[in-house]
Amino acid sequence: MRFVLAYVGVLTQVLIYCIVAWSLISWFPIRRDNPALVILRHIAEPLVNPLRRIVPRVGILDLTPLAAILILIAIPYVLRLIF
């Protein structure tokens, strides 16, 4: 069971890093067909898009990446409590 918890922990960390990188890169004028950006978008958008229907925008800020990161941080802790 420790292997599964460790795997989930590493996976959530990688997903968090991808969301942070995708969010930071979106602030810069980079071509949208950049291969690195395409990979980050394919990883991050499926996690963030469902939350866009729930989390409202605050002015020009989109807080859905933050909500996705908070959920990803909570997953390993909840699994450790259960198992």
C-alpha atoms as a PDB file:
ATOM      1  CA  MET A   1       0.000   0.000   0.000  1.00  0.00           C
ATOM      2  CA  ARG A   2       2.931   2.348   0.615  1.00  0.00           C
ATOM      3  CA  PHE A   3       3.913   2.005  -3.027  1.00  0.00           C
ATOM      4  CA  VAL A   4       0.482   3.166  -4.167  1.00  0.00           C
ATOM      5  CA  LEU A   5       0.534   6.128  -1.775  1.00  0.00           C
ATOM      6  CA  ALA A   6       4.048   7.071  -2.911  1.00  0.00           C
ATOM      7  CA  TYR A   7       2.999   6.771  -6.556  1.00  0.00           C
ATOM      8  CA  VAL A   8      -0.061   8.969  -5.992  1.00  0.00           C
ATOM      9  CA  GLY A   9       2.114  11.511  -4.170  1.00  0.00           C
ATOM     10  CA  VAL A  10       4.630  11.709  -7.013  1.00  0.00           C
ATOM     11  CA  LEU A  11       1.877  11.865  -9.634  1.00  0.00           C
ATOM     12  CA  THR A  12       0.111  14.718  -7.868  1.00  0.00           C
ATOM     13  CA  GLN A  13       3.397  16.632  -7.547  1.00  0.00           C
ATOM     14  CA  VAL A  14       4.081  16.270 -11.273  1.00  0.00           C
ATOM     15  CA  LEU A  15       0.545  17.431 -12.076  1.00  0.00           C
ATOM     16  CA  ILE A  16       0.931  20.424  -9.763  1.00  0.00           C
ATOM     17  CA  TYR A  17       4.198  21.411 -11.456  1.00  0.00           C
ATOM     18  CA  CYS A  18       2.534  21.120 -14.868  1.00  0.00           C
ATOM     19  CA  ILE A  19      -0.384  23.324 -13.812  1.00  0.00           C
ATOM     20  CA  VAL A  20       1.950  25.936 -12.319  1.00  0.00           C
ATOM     21  CA  ALA A  21       4.163  25.971 -15.427  1.00  0.00           C
ATOM     22  CA  TRP A  22       1.132  26.154 -17.733  1.00  0.00           C
ATOM     23  CA  SER A  23      -0.338  29.016 -15.701  1.00  0.00           C
ATOM     24  CA  LEU A  24       2.903  31.003 -15.644  1.00  0.00           C
ATOM     25  CA  ILE A  25       3.633  30.467 -19.328  1.00  0.00           C
ATOM     26  CA  SER A  26       0.126  31.648 -20.254  1.00  0.00           C
ATOM     27  CA  TRP A  27       1.070  35.140 -19.025  1.00  0.00           C
ATOM     28  CA  PHE A  28       3.812  35.515 -21.636  1.00  0.00           C
ATOM     29  CA  PRO A  29       3.414  36.086 -25.384  1.00  0.00           C
ATOM     30  CA  ILE A  30       4.472  32.644 -26.559  1.00  0.00           C
ATOM     31  CA  ARG A  31       3.172  30.998 -29.696  1.00  0.00           C
ATOM     32  CA  ARG A  32       0.367  28.596 -28.837  1.00  0.00           C
ATOM     33  CA  ASP A  33       1.787  25.876 -31.086  1.00  0.00           C
ATOM     34  CA  ASN A  34       4.995  25.650 -29.051  1.00  0.00           C
ATOM     35  CA  PRO A  35       5.536  21.908 -28.379  1.00  0.00           C
ATOM     36  CA  ALA A  36       6.242  22.402 -24.660  1.00  0.00           C
ATOM     37  CA  LEU A  37       3.105  24.497 -24.268  1.00  0.00           C
ATOM     38  CA  VAL A  38       1.029  21.945 -26.173  1.00  0.00           C
ATOM     39  CA  ILE A  39       2.193  19.167 -23.834  1.00  0.00           C
ATOM     40  CA  LEU A  40       1.492  21.259 -20.729  1.00  0.00           C
ATOM     41  CA  ARG A  41      -1.934  22.206 -22.083  1.00  0.00           C
ATOM     42  CA  HIS A  42      -2.817  18.556 -22.753  1.00  0.00           C
ATOM     43  CA  ILE A  43      -1.854  17.678 -19.189  1.00  0.00           C
ATOM     44  CA  ALA A  44      -3.327  20.663 -17.345  1.00  0.00           C
ATOM     45  CA  GLU A  45      -6.546  21.489 -19.184  1.00  0.00           C
ATOM     46  CA  PRO A  46      -8.386  18.218 -18.401  1.00  0.00           C
ATOM     47  CA  LEU A  47      -7.783  18.949 -14.717  1.00  0.00           C
ATOM     48  CA  VAL A  48      -8.717  22.616 -14.845  1.00  0.00           C
ATOM     49  CA  ASN A  49     -11.614  22.736 -17.329  1.00  0.00           C
ATOM     50  CA  PRO A  50     -14.222  20.959 -15.145  1.00  0.00           C
ATOM     51  CA  LEU A  51     -13.508  23.437 -12.360  1.00  0.00           C
ATOM     52  CA  ARG A  52     -14.167  26.430 -14.629  1.00  0.00           C
ATOM     53  CA  ARG A  53     -17.903  25.718 -14.346  1.00  0.00           C
ATOM     54  CA  ILE A  54     -17.690  25.874 -10.550  1.00  0.00           C
ATOM     55  CA  VAL A  55     -15.041  28.482  -9.660  1.00  0.00           C
ATOM     56  CA  PRO A  56     -15.999  32.020 -10.712  1.00  0.00           C
ATOM     57  CA  ARG A  57     -13.485  34.433 -12.212  1.00  0.00           C
ATOM     58  CA  VAL A  58     -12.243  37.241 -10.001  1.00  0.00           C
ATOM     59  CA  GLY A  59     -11.885  40.204 -12.320  1.00  0.00           C
ATOM     60  CA  ILE A  60      -9.282  39.222 -14.887  1.00  0.00           C
ATOM     61  CA  LEU A  61      -7.891  36.413 -12.721  1.00  0.00           C
ATOM     62  CA  ASP A  62      -8.775  32.796 -13.369  1.00  0.00           C
ATOM     63  CA  LEU A  63      -8.510  30.965 -10.042  1.00  0.00           C
ATOM     64  CA  THR A  64      -9.274  27.507 -11.397  1.00  0.00           C
ATOM     65  CA  PRO A  65      -5.586  26.459 -11.545  1.00  0.00           C
ATOM     66  CA  LEU A  66      -5.320  27.341  -7.848  1.00  0.00           C
ATOM     67  CA  ALA A  67      -8.437  25.286  -7.078  1.00  0.00           C
ATOM     68  CA  ALA A  68      -7.025  22.345  -9.048  1.00  0.00           C
ATOM     69  CA  ILE A  69      -3.732  22.591  -7.151  1.00  0.00           C
ATOM     70  CA  LEU A  70      -5.518  22.652  -3.797  1.00  0.00           C
ATOM     71  CA  ILE A  71      -7.497  19.553  -4.749  1.00  0.00           C
ATOM     72  CA  LEU A  72      -4.341  17.790  -5.908  1.00  0.00           C
ATOM     73  CA  ILE A  73      -2.601  18.671  -2.638  1.00  0.00           C
ATOM     74  CA  ALA A  74      -5.511  17.243  -0.646  1.00  0.00           C
ATOM     75  CA  ILE A  75      -5.638  13.896  -2.473  1.00  0.00           C
ATOM     76  CA  PRO A  76      -2.527  12.283  -0.886  1.00  0.00           C
ATOM     77  CA  TYR A  77      -3.521  13.490   2.578  1.00  0.00           C
ATOM     78  CA  VAL A  78      -7.021  12.060   2.258  1.00  0.00           C
ATOM     79  CA  LEU A  79      -5.646   8.758   0.987  1.00  0.00           C
ATOM     80  CA  ARG A  80      -3.220   8.557   3.921  1.00  0.00           C
ATOM     81  CA  LEU A  81      -6.107   9.129   6.322  1.00  0.00           C
ATOM     82  CA  ILE A  82      -8.182   6.400   4.697  1.00  0.00           C
ATOM     83  CA  PHE A  83      -5.397   3.846   4.368  1.00  0.00           C
END
